[in-house]
C-alpha atoms as a PDB file:
ATOM      1  CA  UNK A   1     -13.127  12.902  -3.468  1.00  0.00           C
ATOM      2  CA  UNK A   2     -10.182  11.238  -1.974  1.00  0.00           C
ATOM      3  CA  UNK A   3      -7.716  12.334   0.778  1.00  0.00           C
ATOM      4  CA  UNK A   4      -4.207  11.308   0.278  1.00  0.00           C
ATOM      5  CA  UNK A   5      -0.657  12.369   1.316  1.00  0.00           C
ATOM      6  CA  UNK A   6       2.734  11.014   0.433  1.00  0.00           C
ATOM      7  CA  UNK A   7       6.149  11.265   1.882  1.00  0.00           C
ATOM      8  CA  UNK A   8       9.841  10.260   1.252  1.00  0.00           C
ATOM      9  CA  UNK A   9      10.961  11.243  -2.305  1.00  0.00           C
ATOM     10  CA  UNK A  10       8.955  13.607  -4.376  1.00  0.00           C
ATOM     11  CA  UNK A  11       7.295  12.251  -7.578  1.00  0.00           C
ATOM     12  CA  UNK A  12       8.124  14.357 -10.544  1.00  0.00           C
ATOM     13  CA  UNK A  13       5.251  16.763 -11.581  1.00  0.00           C
ATOM     14  CA  UNK A  14       3.334  15.917  -8.538  1.00  0.00           C
ATOM     15  CA  UNK A  15       3.643  18.381  -5.616  1.00  0.00           C
ATOM     16  CA  UNK A  16       0.346  18.220  -4.022  1.00  0.00           C
ATOM     17  CA  UNK A  17      -0.040  16.727  -0.602  1.00  0.00           C
ATOM     18  CA  UNK A  18       3.896  15.888  -0.564  1.00  0.00           C
ATOM     19  CA  UNK A  19       4.991  15.858   3.292  1.00  0.00           C
ATOM     20  CA  UNK A  20       8.792  15.286   2.373  1.00  0.00           C
ATOM     21  CA  UNK A  21      10.962  13.376   4.817  1.00  0.00           C
ATOM     22  CA  UNK A  22       9.252  12.792   7.995  1.00  0.00           C
ATOM     23  CA  UNK A  23       9.985  11.267  11.352  1.00  0.00           C
ATOM     24  CA  UNK A  24       8.909   7.786  12.026  1.00  0.00           C
ATOM     25  CA  UNK A  25       6.333   8.900  14.481  1.00  0.00           C
ATOM     26  CA  UNK A  26       4.591  10.937  12.022  1.00  0.00           C
ATOM     27  CA  UNK A  27       4.591   8.029   9.618  1.00  0.00           C
ATOM     28  CA  UNK A  28       3.104   5.915  12.262  1.00  0.00           C
ATOM     29  CA  UNK A  29       0.313   8.573  12.948  1.00  0.00           C
ATOM     30  CA  UNK A  30      -0.416   8.766   9.297  1.00  0.00           C
ATOM     31  CA  UNK A  31      -0.621   4.985   8.840  1.00  0.00           C
ATOM     32  CA  UNK A  32      -2.891   4.716  11.821  1.00  0.00           C
ATOM     33  CA  UNK A  33      -5.638   6.603   9.991  1.00  0.00           C
ATOM     34  CA  UNK A  34      -4.580   5.147   6.483  1.00  0.00           C
ATOM     35  CA  UNK A  35      -6.735   2.731   4.739  1.00  0.00           C
ATOM     36  CA  UNK A  36      -4.717   2.073   1.516  1.00  0.00           C
ATOM     37  CA  UNK A  37      -1.139   2.544   0.440  1.00  0.00           C
ATOM     38  CA  UNK A  38       0.864   1.891  -2.695  1.00  0.00           C
ATOM     39  CA  UNK A  39       4.192   0.358  -2.005  1.00  0.00           C
ATOM     40  CA  UNK A  40       7.324   0.829  -4.344  1.00  0.00           C
ATOM     41  CA  UNK A  41       8.175  -1.754  -6.530  1.00  0.00           C
ATOM     42  CA  UNK A  42      11.919  -2.424  -5.651  1.00  0.00           C
ATOM     43  CA  UNK A  43      11.153  -3.511  -1.851  1.00  0.00           C
ATOM     44  CA  UNK A  44       7.909  -5.200  -0.664  1.00  0.00           C
ATOM     45  CA  UNK A  45       9.741  -6.322   2.578  1.00  0.00           C
ATOM     46  CA  UNK A  46      10.806  -2.494   3.404  1.00  0.00           C
ATOM     47  CA  UNK A  47      10.159  -1.045   6.625  1.00  0.00           C
ATOM     48  CA  UNK A  48       7.309   1.037   5.491  1.00  0.00           C
ATOM     49  CA  UNK A  49       5.559  -1.999   4.140  1.00  0.00           C
ATOM     50  CA  UNK A  50       5.989  -3.628   7.595  1.00  0.00           C
ATOM     51  CA  UNK A  51       4.626  -0.687   9.174  1.00  0.00           C
ATOM     52  CA  UNK A  52       1.646  -0.638   6.769  1.00  0.00           C
ATOM     53  CA  UNK A  53       0.915  -4.271   7.671  1.00  0.00           C
ATOM     54  CA  UNK A  54       1.252  -3.563  11.459  1.00  0.00           C
ATOM     55  CA  UNK A  55      -1.365  -0.680  11.045  1.00  0.00           C
ATOM     56  CA  UNK A  56      -3.679  -2.976   9.004  1.00  0.00           C
ATOM     57  CA  UNK A  57      -3.277  -0.774   5.765  1.00  0.00           C
ATOM     58  CA  UNK A  58      -4.486  -2.503   2.498  1.00  0.00           C
ATOM     59  CA  UNK A  59      -1.408  -2.516   0.103  1.00  0.00           C
ATOM     60  CA  UNK A  60      -1.393  -1.966  -3.458  1.00  0.00           C
ATOM     61  CA  UNK A  61       1.616  -3.692  -5.179  1.00  0.00           C
ATOM     62  CA  UNK A  62       2.608  -5.106  -8.627  1.00  0.00           C
ATOM     63  CA  UNK A  63       3.387  -8.712  -8.295  1.00  0.00           C
ATOM     64  CA  UNK A  64       5.247  -8.873 -11.760  1.00  0.00           C
ATOM     65  CA  UNK A  65       7.850  -6.490 -10.312  1.00  0.00           C
ATOM     66  CA  UNK A  66       8.473  -8.251  -6.942  1.00  0.00           C
ATOM     67  CA  UNK A  67      10.038 -11.560  -6.051  1.00  0.00           C
ATOM     68  CA  UNK A  68       7.595 -14.273  -5.286  1.00  0.00           C
ATOM     69  CA  UNK A  69       6.833 -14.098  -1.473  1.00  0.00           C
ATOM     70  CA  UNK A  70       4.732 -16.212   0.867  1.00  0.00           C
ATOM     71  CA  UNK A  71       3.140 -13.018   2.009  1.00  0.00           C
ATOM     72  CA  UNK A  72       1.472 -12.125  -1.175  1.00  0.00           C
ATOM     73  CA  UNK A  73      -0.313 -15.322  -1.685  1.00  0.00           C
ATOM     74  CA  UNK A  74      -3.893 -15.678  -0.829  1.00  0.00           C
ATOM     75  CA  UNK A  75      -3.983 -12.483   1.250  1.00  0.00           C
ATOM     76  CA  UNK A  76      -7.005 -10.067   0.708  1.00  0.00           C
ATOM     77  CA  UNK A  77      -5.222  -6.918   2.015  1.00  0.00           C
ATOM     78  CA  UNK A  78      -2.477  -7.419  -0.444  1.00  0.00           C
ATOM     79  CA  UNK A  79      -4.062  -5.805  -3.791  1.00  0.00           C
ATOM     80  CA  UNK A  80      -2.205  -6.552  -7.005  1.00  0.00           C
ATOM     81  CA  UNK A  81      -2.385  -3.680  -9.653  1.00  0.00           C
ATOM     82  CA  UNK A  82      -0.250  -3.119 -12.772  1.00  0.00           C
ATOM     83  CA  UNK A  83       2.254  -0.142 -12.385  1.00  0.00           C
ATOM     84  CA  UNK A  84       2.797  -0.158 -16.185  1.00  0.00           C
ATOM     85  CA  UNK A  85      -0.956   0.310 -16.840  1.00  0.00           C
ATOM     86  CA  UNK A  86      -1.786   3.556 -15.004  1.00  0.00           C
ATOM     87  CA  UNK A  87      -5.427   3.758 -16.106  1.00  0.00           C
ATOM     88  CA  UNK A  88      -6.417   0.266 -15.078  1.00  0.00           C
ATOM     89  CA  UNK A  89      -4.394   0.697 -11.804  1.00  0.00           C
ATOM     90  CA  UNK A  90      -6.334   3.959 -10.966  1.00  0.00           C
ATOM     91  CA  UNK A  91      -9.720   2.182 -11.887  1.00  0.00           C
ATOM     92  CA  UNK A  92      -8.969  -0.733  -9.490  1.00  0.00           C
ATOM     93  CA  UNK A  93      -7.763   1.547  -6.648  1.00  0.00           C
ATOM     94  CA  UNK A  94     -10.848   3.559  -6.952  1.00  0.00           C
ATOM     95  CA  UNK A  95     -12.951   0.450  -7.005  1.00  0.00           C
ATOM     96  CA  UNK A  96     -11.230  -0.571  -3.825  1.00  0.00           C
ATOM     97  CA  UNK A  97     -11.640   2.628  -2.116  1.00  0.00           C
ATOM     98  CA  UNK A  98     -15.194   3.172  -3.112  1.00  0.00           C
ATOM     99  CA  UNK A  99     -16.119  -0.419  -1.920  1.00  0.00           C
ATOM    100  CA  UNK A 100     -13.865  -0.347   1.299  1.00  0.00           C
ATOM    101  CA  UNK A 101     -16.422  -1.424   3.664  1.00  0.00           C
ATOM    102  CA  UNK A 102     -17.505  -4.462   1.511  1.00  0.00           C
ATOM    103  CA  UNK A 103     -13.886  -5.452   0.440  1.00  0.00           C
ATOM    104  CA  UNK A 104     -11.862  -4.769   3.701  1.00  0.00           C
ATOM    105  CA  UNK A 105     -10.679  -7.876   5.604  1.00  0.00           C
ATOM    106  CA  UNK A 106      -8.154  -8.604   8.480  1.00  0.00           C
ATOM    107  CA  UNK A 107      -4.759  -9.530   7.493  1.00  0.00           C
ATOM    108  CA  UNK A 108      -4.606 -13.503   7.238  1.00  0.00           C
ATOM    109  CA  UNK A 109      -2.166 -14.986   9.848  1.00  0.00           C
ATOM    110  CA  UNK A 110       0.484 -16.909   8.319  1.00  0.00           C
ATOM    111  CA  UNK A 111       2.604 -19.733   9.985  1.00  0.00           C
ATOM    112  CA  UNK A 112       6.247 -18.598   8.809  1.00  0.00           C
ATOM    113  CA  UNK A 113       7.801 -21.723  10.512  1.00  0.00           C
ATOM    114  CA  UNK A 114       6.654 -24.177   7.647  1.00  0.00           C
END
């Protein structure tokens, strides 16, 4: 039902659609056609997260595991899920994917000088 790939470090017991460590050019190509991504809990401001934002990818993240950040406040493309509650997270992710055309919004422009 859903098409997905992942790259970087391989998840335990999950080998399907794993690309391994790939060049940035391939990352950019994948993200150009990506609607959603799940970012890792340890670093919201990673290069990968910024590349997702640049490519208008909707980002799933867990706000309870990240430092409070002005990017995460009132932005409809940053979608909060609970990494510790897998079933609820999957349900939310499926809902967002199934309702993409209705829920998708452009990134909000922020004034970082204030």
